[in-house]
Amino acid sequence: MGLAERSLEILISKIIDDAREAASSILDEAKTSKQRYIEEVRRRVTEKAEKECREIIRKAEHEAEGLVRRKSVEASIRARWRILSEKRKIVDKVFQMVEENIHSVRNEDNYLKMLERLIEEAAVAAGGGRLEVLLNKDDSRLRLPLKEIAGRVSSRLGADTTLVKSEKTIEATGGVIIQSSDGKTRVDNTLSSVIKRERERLEPRVNMLLFS
């Protein structure tokens, strides 16, 4: 082999070695870049996943807190309604006992006096004049001093008053309804109406006495 050929072979061999070395370097750099890229992608994915997880947890905690608050408020409202309901039952029982006691008075001697007062107060509320007295079937049989009652009404109002027992009867446990002869004025002083009015007036005080 001549010198020229030998030099050419050495040059080719060096070029090949340099090419191999360059290729190896490029390959190593590519592998390194690939690894860095994979790690960067993994880091970004991990960060995104962690961020999304934190957001999910935050929302879940917020919703859980809201649910607890709502349930607490609902429970508090239900408890208050139950307390109010129980108080209402107690107050109802008190006034039921009052009503029973008042109705039982019908069988006693002082019922007649009470009925006279109810007639007088209703006649005063009606404004006097010629008034019709409506009673239930049993009370319509009672001997009532209507002239005396009318006299007291006249004195209180300063207006002539006449009380006439109606031939009609009313459905009531007791008490009276007074109405004018033309029917335009009507005052309900039956026991049930009196009890209802007195309940509206006395219930706040009963509540205070029972529950304060």
C-alpha atoms as a PDB file:
ATOM      1  CA  MET A   1       0.000   0.000   0.000  1.00  0.00           C
ATOM      2  CA  GLY A   2       1.381   3.371  -0.999  1.00  0.00           C
ATOM      3  CA  LEU A   3       1.760   6.372   1.231  1.00  0.00           C
ATOM      4  CA  ALA A   4      -1.126   8.179  -0.384  1.00  0.00           C
ATOM      5  CA  GLU A   5      -3.407   5.225   0.023  1.00  0.00           C
ATOM      6  CA  ARG A   6      -2.308   4.803   3.614  1.00  0.00           C
ATOM      7  CA  SER A   7      -2.972   8.475   4.370  1.00  0.00           C
ATOM      8  CA  LEU A   8      -6.399   8.258   2.727  1.00  0.00           C
ATOM      9  CA  GLU A   9      -7.296   5.198   4.803  1.00  0.00           C
ATOM     10  CA  ILE A  10      -6.225   6.953   7.983  1.00  0.00           C
ATOM     11  CA  LEU A  11      -8.275  10.024   7.021  1.00  0.00           C
ATOM     12  CA  ILE A  12     -11.338   7.916   6.270  1.00  0.00           C
ATOM     13  CA  SER A  13     -10.906   6.027   9.532  1.00  0.00           C
ATOM     14  CA  LYS A  14     -10.649   9.302  11.455  1.00  0.00           C
ATOM     15  CA  ILE A  15     -13.731  10.691   9.717  1.00  0.00           C
ATOM     16  CA  ILE A  16     -15.627   7.545  10.610  1.00  0.00           C
ATOM     17  CA  ASP A  17     -14.431   7.707  14.230  1.00  0.00           C
ATOM     18  CA  ASP A  18     -15.337  11.395  14.427  1.00  0.00           C
ATOM     19  CA  ALA A  19     -18.710  10.641  12.921  1.00  0.00           C
ATOM     20  CA  ARG A  20     -19.272   7.830  15.401  1.00  0.00           C
ATOM     21  CA  GLU A  21     -18.222  10.077  18.265  1.00  0.00           C
ATOM     22  CA  ALA A  22     -20.488  12.871  17.027  1.00  0.00           C
ATOM     23  CA  ALA A  23     -23.356  10.445  16.558  1.00  0.00           C
ATOM     24  CA  SER A  24     -22.799   9.051  20.032  1.00  0.00           C
ATOM     25  CA  SER A  25     -22.701  12.566  21.463  1.00  0.00           C
ATOM     26  CA  ILE A  26     -25.851  13.527  19.596  1.00  0.00           C
ATOM     27  CA  LEU A  27     -27.555  10.324  20.768  1.00  0.00           C
ATOM     28  CA  ASP A  28     -26.495  10.926  24.364  1.00  0.00           C
ATOM     29  CA  GLU A  29     -27.694  14.521  24.170  1.00  0.00           C
ATOM     30  CA  ALA A  30     -30.964  13.360  22.635  1.00  0.00           C
ATOM     31  CA  LYS A  31     -31.403  10.819  25.420  1.00  0.00           C
ATOM     32  CA  THR A  32     -30.620  13.506  27.986  1.00  0.00           C
ATOM     33  CA  SER A  33     -33.022  15.956  26.333  1.00  0.00           C
ATOM     34  CA  LYS A  34     -35.651  13.251  26.146  1.00  0.00           C
ATOM     35  CA  GLN A  35     -35.203  12.473  29.838  1.00  0.00           C
ATOM     36  CA  ARG A  36     -35.352  16.158  30.727  1.00  0.00           C
ATOM     37  CA  TYR A  37     -38.485  16.544  28.608  1.00  0.00           C
ATOM     38  CA  ILE A  38     -40.090  13.505  30.229  1.00  0.00           C
ATOM     39  CA  GLU A  39     -39.201  14.824  33.679  1.00  0.00           C
ATOM     40  CA  GLU A  40     -40.547  18.291  32.776  1.00  0.00           C
ATOM     41  CA  VAL A  41     -43.768  16.787  31.452  1.00  0.00           C
ATOM     42  CA  ARG A  42     -44.031  14.592  34.557  1.00  0.00           C
ATOM     43  CA  ARG A  43     -43.423  17.653  36.772  1.00  0.00           C
ATOM     44  CA  ARG A  44     -46.055  19.702  34.963  1.00  0.00           C
ATOM     45  CA  VAL A  45     -48.563  16.854  35.017  1.00  0.00           C
ATOM     46  CA  THR A  46     -47.853  16.275  38.706  1.00  0.00           C
ATOM     47  CA  GLU A  47     -48.219  19.974  39.521  1.00  0.00           C
ATOM     48  CA  LYS A  48     -51.452  20.169  37.521  1.00  0.00           C
ATOM     49  CA  ALA A  49     -52.785  17.025  39.177  1.00  0.00           C
ATOM     50  CA  GLU A  50     -51.851  18.322  42.634  1.00  0.00           C
ATOM     51  CA  LYS A  51     -53.463  21.688  41.860  1.00  0.00           C
ATOM     52  CA  GLU A  52     -56.630  20.014  40.603  1.00  0.00           C
ATOM     53  CA  CYS A  53     -56.670  17.738  43.652  1.00  0.00           C
ATOM     54  CA  ARG A  54     -56.288  20.734  45.971  1.00  0.00           C
ATOM     55  CA  GLU A  55     -59.115  22.504  44.136  1.00  0.00           C
ATOM     56  CA  ILE A  56     -61.333  19.421  44.339  1.00  0.00           C
ATOM     57  CA  ILE A  57     -60.571  19.073  48.049  1.00  0.00           C
ATOM     58  CA  ARG A  58     -61.211  22.799  48.610  1.00  0.00           C
ATOM     59  CA  LYS A  59     -64.556  22.616  46.808  1.00  0.00           C
ATOM     60  CA  ALA A  60     -65.481  19.435  48.671  1.00  0.00           C
ATOM     61  CA  GLU A  61     -64.605  21.035  52.010  1.00  0.00           C
ATOM     62  CA  HIS A  62     -66.576  24.175  51.075  1.00  0.00           C
ATOM     63  CA  GLU A  63     -69.592  22.112  50.040  1.00  0.00           C
ATOM     64  CA  ALA A  64     -69.294  19.999  53.186  1.00  0.00           C
ATOM     65  CA  GLU A  65     -69.157  23.117  55.370  1.00  0.00           C
ATOM     66  CA  GLY A  66     -72.173  24.549  53.536  1.00  0.00           C
ATOM     67  CA  LEU A  67     -74.056  21.280  53.966  1.00  0.00           C
ATOM     68  CA  VAL A  68     -73.234  21.190  57.679  1.00  0.00           C
ATOM     69  CA  ARG A  69     -74.420  24.802  58.063  1.00  0.00           C
ATOM     70  CA  ARG A  70     -77.645  24.087  56.165  1.00  0.00           C
ATOM     71  CA  LYS A  71     -78.319  20.946  58.168  1.00  0.00           C
ATOM     72  CA  SER A  72     -77.570  22.833  61.383  1.00  0.00           C
ATOM     73  CA  VAL A  73     -79.963  25.639  60.414  1.00  0.00           C
ATOM     74  CA  GLU A  74     -82.628  23.124  59.360  1.00  0.00           C
ATOM     75  CA  ALA A  75     -82.229  21.241  62.640  1.00  0.00           C
ATOM     76  CA  SER A  76     -82.438  24.511  64.580  1.00  0.00           C
ATOM     77  CA  ILE A  77     -85.598  25.539  62.703  1.00  0.00           C
ATOM     78  CA  ARG A  78     -87.182  22.116  63.259  1.00  0.00           C
ATOM     79  CA  ALA A  79     -86.308  22.298  66.949  1.00  0.00           C
ATOM     80  CA  ARG A  80     -87.838  25.780  67.262  1.00  0.00           C
ATOM     81  CA  TRP A  81     -90.990  24.678  65.445  1.00  0.00           C
ATOM     82  CA  ARG A  82     -91.257  21.642  67.710  1.00  0.00           C
ATOM     83  CA  ILE A  83     -90.872  23.814  70.805  1.00  0.00           C
ATOM     84  CA  LEU A  84     -93.493  26.252  69.479  1.00  0.00           C
ATOM     85  CA  SER A  85     -95.784  23.332  68.651  1.00  0.00           C
ATOM     86  CA  GLU A  86     -95.454  21.910  72.159  1.00  0.00           C
ATOM     87  CA  LYS A  87     -96.050  25.352  73.670  1.00  0.00           C
ATOM     88  CA  ARG A  88     -99.133  25.740  71.465  1.00  0.00           C
ATOM     89  CA  LYS A  89    -100.457  22.391  72.727  1.00  0.00           C
ATOM     90  CA  ILE A  90     -99.979  23.494  76.332  1.00  0.00           C
ATOM     91  CA  VAL A  91    -101.707  26.843  75.725  1.00  0.00           C
ATOM     92  CA  ASP A  92    -104.525  25.066  73.846  1.00  0.00           C
ATOM     93  CA  LYS A  93    -104.949  22.743  76.822  1.00  0.00           C
ATOM     94  CA  VAL A  94    -105.135  25.684  79.239  1.00  0.00           C
ATOM     95  CA  PHE A  95    -107.846  27.427  77.221  1.00  0.00           C
ATOM     96  CA  GLN A  96    -109.657  24.139  76.664  1.00  0.00           C
ATOM     97  CA  MET A  97    -109.864  23.753  80.439  1.00  0.00           C
ATOM     98  CA  VAL A  98    -111.100  27.348  80.694  1.00  0.00           C
ATOM     99  CA  GLU A  99    -113.767  26.658  78.060  1.00  0.00           C
ATOM    100  CA  GLU A 100    -114.862  23.466  79.828  1.00  0.00           C
ATOM    101  CA  ASN A 101    -115.141  25.344  83.120  1.00  0.00           C
ATOM    102  CA  ILE A 102    -117.173  28.140  81.511  1.00  0.00           C
ATOM    103  CA  HIS A 103    -119.483  25.667  79.812  1.00  0.00           C
ATOM    104  CA  SER A 104    -119.959  23.797  83.077  1.00  0.00           C
ATOM    105  CA  VAL A 105    -121.244  27.047  84.598  1.00  0.00           C
ATOM    106  CA  ARG A 106    -124.415  26.602  82.522  1.00  0.00           C
ATOM    107  CA  ASN A 107    -125.563  24.038  85.052  1.00  0.00           C
ATOM    108  CA  GLU A 108    -125.012  26.354  88.013  1.00  0.00           C
ATOM    109  CA  ASP A 109    -127.181  29.086  89.495  1.00  0.00           C
ATOM    110  CA  ASN A 110    -124.774  31.916  88.583  1.00  0.00           C
ATOM    111  CA  TYR A 111    -125.080  31.178  84.842  1.00  0.00           C
ATOM    112  CA  LEU A 112    -128.241  33.286  84.735  1.00  0.00           C
ATOM    113  CA  LYS A 113    -126.340  36.280  86.139  1.00  0.00           C
ATOM    114  CA  MET A 114    -123.532  35.746  83.652  1.00  0.00           C
ATOM    115  CA  LEU A 115    -126.045  35.543  80.783  1.00  0.00           C
ATOM    116  CA  GLU A 116    -127.650  38.809  81.930  1.00  0.00           C
ATOM    117  CA  ARG A 117    -124.230  40.516  81.848  1.00  0.00           C
ATOM    118  CA  LEU A 118    -123.533  39.130  78.369  1.00  0.00           C
ATOM    119  CA  ILE A 119    -126.880  40.477  77.133  1.00  0.00           C
ATOM    120  CA  GLU A 120    -126.246  43.892  78.697  1.00  0.00           C
ATOM    121  CA  GLU A 121    -122.711  44.217  77.272  1.00  0.00           C
ATOM    122  CA  ALA A 122    -123.853  43.113  73.816  1.00  0.00           C
ATOM    123  CA  ALA A 123    -126.752  45.583  73.880  1.00  0.00           C
ATOM    124  CA  VAL A 124    -124.388  48.417  74.841  1.00  0.00           C
ATOM    125  CA  ALA A 125    -122.007  47.395  72.043  1.00  0.00           C
ATOM    126  CA  ALA A 126    -124.945  47.405  69.610  1.00  0.00           C
ATOM    127  CA  GLY A 127    -125.706  51.022  70.550  1.00  0.00           C
ATOM    128  CA  GLY A 128    -129.122  50.510  72.140  1.00  0.00           C
ATOM    129  CA  GLY A 129    -132.483  51.068  70.466  1.00  0.00           C
ATOM    130  CA  ARG A 130    -134.865  48.242  69.643  1.00  0.00           C
ATOM    131  CA  LEU A 131    -132.791  45.070  69.857  1.00  0.00           C
ATOM    132  CA  GLU A 132    -133.518  41.410  69.323  1.00  0.00           C
ATOM    133  CA  VAL A 133    -132.128  38.820  71.765  1.00  0.00           C
ATOM    134  CA  LEU A 134    -131.171  35.476  70.209  1.00  0.00           C
ATOM    135  CA  LEU A 135    -130.495  32.538  72.544  1.00  0.00           C
ATOM    136  CA  ASN A 136    -130.015  28.814  72.204  1.00  0.00           C
ATOM    137  CA  LYS A 137    -132.962  26.493  72.700  1.00  0.00           C
ATOM    138  CA  ASP A 138    -132.326  25.865  76.412  1.00  0.00           C
ATOM    139  CA  ASP A 139    -131.588  29.482  77.334  1.00  0.00           C
ATOM    140  CA  SER A 140    -134.648  30.739  75.473  1.00  0.00           C
ATOM    141  CA  ARG A 141    -136.757  29.000  78.172  1.00  0.00           C
ATOM    142  CA  LEU A 142    -135.089  30.953  80.987  1.00  0.00           C
ATOM    143  CA  ARG A 143    -136.950  33.803  82.701  1.00  0.00           C
ATOM    144  CA  LEU A 144    -134.704  36.744  81.872  1.00  0.00           C
ATOM    145  CA  PRO A 145    -135.351  40.275  83.245  1.00  0.00           C
ATOM    146  CA  LEU A 146    -135.026  41.897  79.817  1.00  0.00           C
ATOM    147  CA  LYS A 147    -136.798  45.106  80.916  1.00  0.00           C
ATOM    148  CA  GLU A 148    -134.339  45.589  83.783  1.00  0.00           C
ATOM    149  CA  ILE A 149    -131.384  44.888  81.501  1.00  0.00           C
ATOM    150  CA  ALA A 150    -132.775  47.322  78.903  1.00  0.00           C
ATOM    151  CA  GLY A 151    -133.115  49.955  81.641  1.00  0.00           C
ATOM    152  CA  ARG A 152    -129.456  49.575  82.604  1.00  0.00           C
ATOM    153  CA  VAL A 153    -128.421  49.809  78.944  1.00  0.00           C
ATOM    154  CA  SER A 154    -130.519  52.966  78.493  1.00  0.00           C
ATOM    155  CA  SER A 155    -128.861  54.530  81.555  1.00  0.00           C
ATOM    156  CA  ARG A 156    -125.382  53.704  80.281  1.00  0.00           C
ATOM    157  CA  LEU A 157    -125.995  54.943  76.747  1.00  0.00           C
ATOM    158  CA  GLY A 158    -128.466  57.737  77.385  1.00  0.00           C
ATOM    159  CA  ALA A 159    -130.663  56.228  74.671  1.00  0.00           C
ATOM    160  CA  ASP A 160    -133.968  54.382  74.899  1.00  0.00           C
ATOM    161  CA  THR A 161    -133.423  50.651  74.603  1.00  0.00           C
ATOM    162  CA  THR A 162    -135.877  47.795  74.196  1.00  0.00           C
ATOM    163  CA  LEU A 163    -134.866  44.139  74.359  1.00  0.00           C
ATOM    164  CA  VAL A 164    -137.128  41.577  72.704  1.00  0.00           C
ATOM    165  CA  LYS A 165    -136.514  37.843  72.879  1.00  0.00           C
ATOM    166  CA  SER A 166    -136.410  36.411  69.371  1.00  0.00           C
ATOM    167  CA  GLU A 167    -138.529  33.447  68.382  1.00  0.00           C
ATOM    168  CA  LYS A 168    -135.494  32.140  66.520  1.00  0.00           C
ATOM    169  CA  THR A 169    -132.861  30.123  68.360  1.00  0.00           C
ATOM    170  CA  ILE A 170    -129.136  29.842  67.689  1.00  0.00           C
ATOM    171  CA  GLU A 171    -126.721  26.913  67.670  1.00  0.00           C
ATOM    172  CA  ALA A 172    -124.452  27.757  70.605  1.00  0.00           C
ATOM    173  CA  THR A 173    -123.487  26.226  73.932  1.00  0.00           C
ATOM    174  CA  GLY A 174    -124.509  29.430  75.684  1.00  0.00           C
ATOM    175  CA  GLY A 175    -124.404  33.192  75.609  1.00  0.00           C
ATOM    176  CA  VAL A 176    -126.314  35.539  73.345  1.00  0.00           C
ATOM    177  CA  ILE A 177    -126.420  37.290  69.998  1.00  0.00           C
ATOM    178  CA  ILE A 178    -127.909  40.777  69.951  1.00  0.00           C
ATOM    179  CA  GLN A 179    -129.021  42.320  66.689  1.00  0.00           C
ATOM    180  CA  SER A 180    -130.907  45.424  65.640  1.00  0.00           C
ATOM    181  CA  SER A 181    -134.452  45.073  64.329  1.00  0.00           C
ATOM    182  CA  ASP A 182    -133.255  45.787  60.778  1.00  0.00           C
ATOM    183  CA  GLY A 183    -130.451  43.210  61.104  1.00  0.00           C
ATOM    184  CA  LYS A 184    -127.720  45.714  60.210  1.00  0.00           C
ATOM    185  CA  THR A 185    -126.100  45.568  63.651  1.00  0.00           C
ATOM    186  CA  ARG A 186    -125.163  42.216  65.149  1.00  0.00           C
ATOM    187  CA  VAL A 187    -123.089  41.547  68.282  1.00  0.00           C
ATOM    188  CA  ASP A 188    -121.985  37.992  69.018  1.00  0.00           C
ATOM    189  CA  ASN A 189    -121.601  37.384  72.749  1.00  0.00           C
ATOM    190  CA  THR A 190    -121.982  33.608  72.655  1.00  0.00           C
ATOM    191  CA  LEU A 191    -119.686  31.703  75.011  1.00  0.00           C
ATOM    192  CA  SER A 192    -117.500  30.431  72.164  1.00  0.00           C
ATOM    193  CA  SER A 193    -117.025  33.964  70.773  1.00  0.00           C
ATOM    194  CA  VAL A 194    -116.305  35.394  74.216  1.00  0.00           C
ATOM    195  CA  ILE A 195    -113.726  32.678  74.852  1.00  0.00           C
ATOM    196  CA  LYS A 196    -112.115  33.333  71.457  1.00  0.00           C
ATOM    197  CA  ARG A 197    -111.860  37.074  72.129  1.00  0.00           C
ATOM    198  CA  GLU A 198    -110.535  36.545  75.622  1.00  0.00           C
ATOM    199  CA  ARG A 199    -107.974  34.078  74.306  1.00  0.00           C
ATOM    200  CA  GLU A 200    -106.650  36.658  71.832  1.00  0.00           C
ATOM    201  CA  ARG A 201    -106.380  39.144  74.679  1.00  0.00           C
ATOM    202  CA  LEU A 202    -104.948  36.830  77.338  1.00  0.00           C
ATOM    203  CA  GLU A 203    -102.769  34.447  75.305  1.00  0.00           C
ATOM    204  CA  PRO A 204     -99.618  36.655  75.421  1.00  0.00           C
ATOM    205  CA  ARG A 205     -99.931  36.840  79.209  1.00  0.00           C
ATOM    206  CA  VAL A 206    -100.563  33.088  79.487  1.00  0.00           C
ATOM    207  CA  ASN A 207     -97.461  32.422  77.362  1.00  0.00           C
ATOM    208  CA  MET A 208     -95.418  34.698  79.613  1.00  0.00           C
ATOM    209  CA  LEU A 209     -96.689  33.012  82.774  1.00  0.00           C
ATOM    210  CA  LEU A 210     -96.102  29.515  81.405  1.00  0.00           C
ATOM    211  CA  PHE A 211     -92.765  29.886  79.622  1.00  0.00           C
ATOM    212  CA  SER A 212     -90.865  32.912  80.944  1.00  0.00           C
END
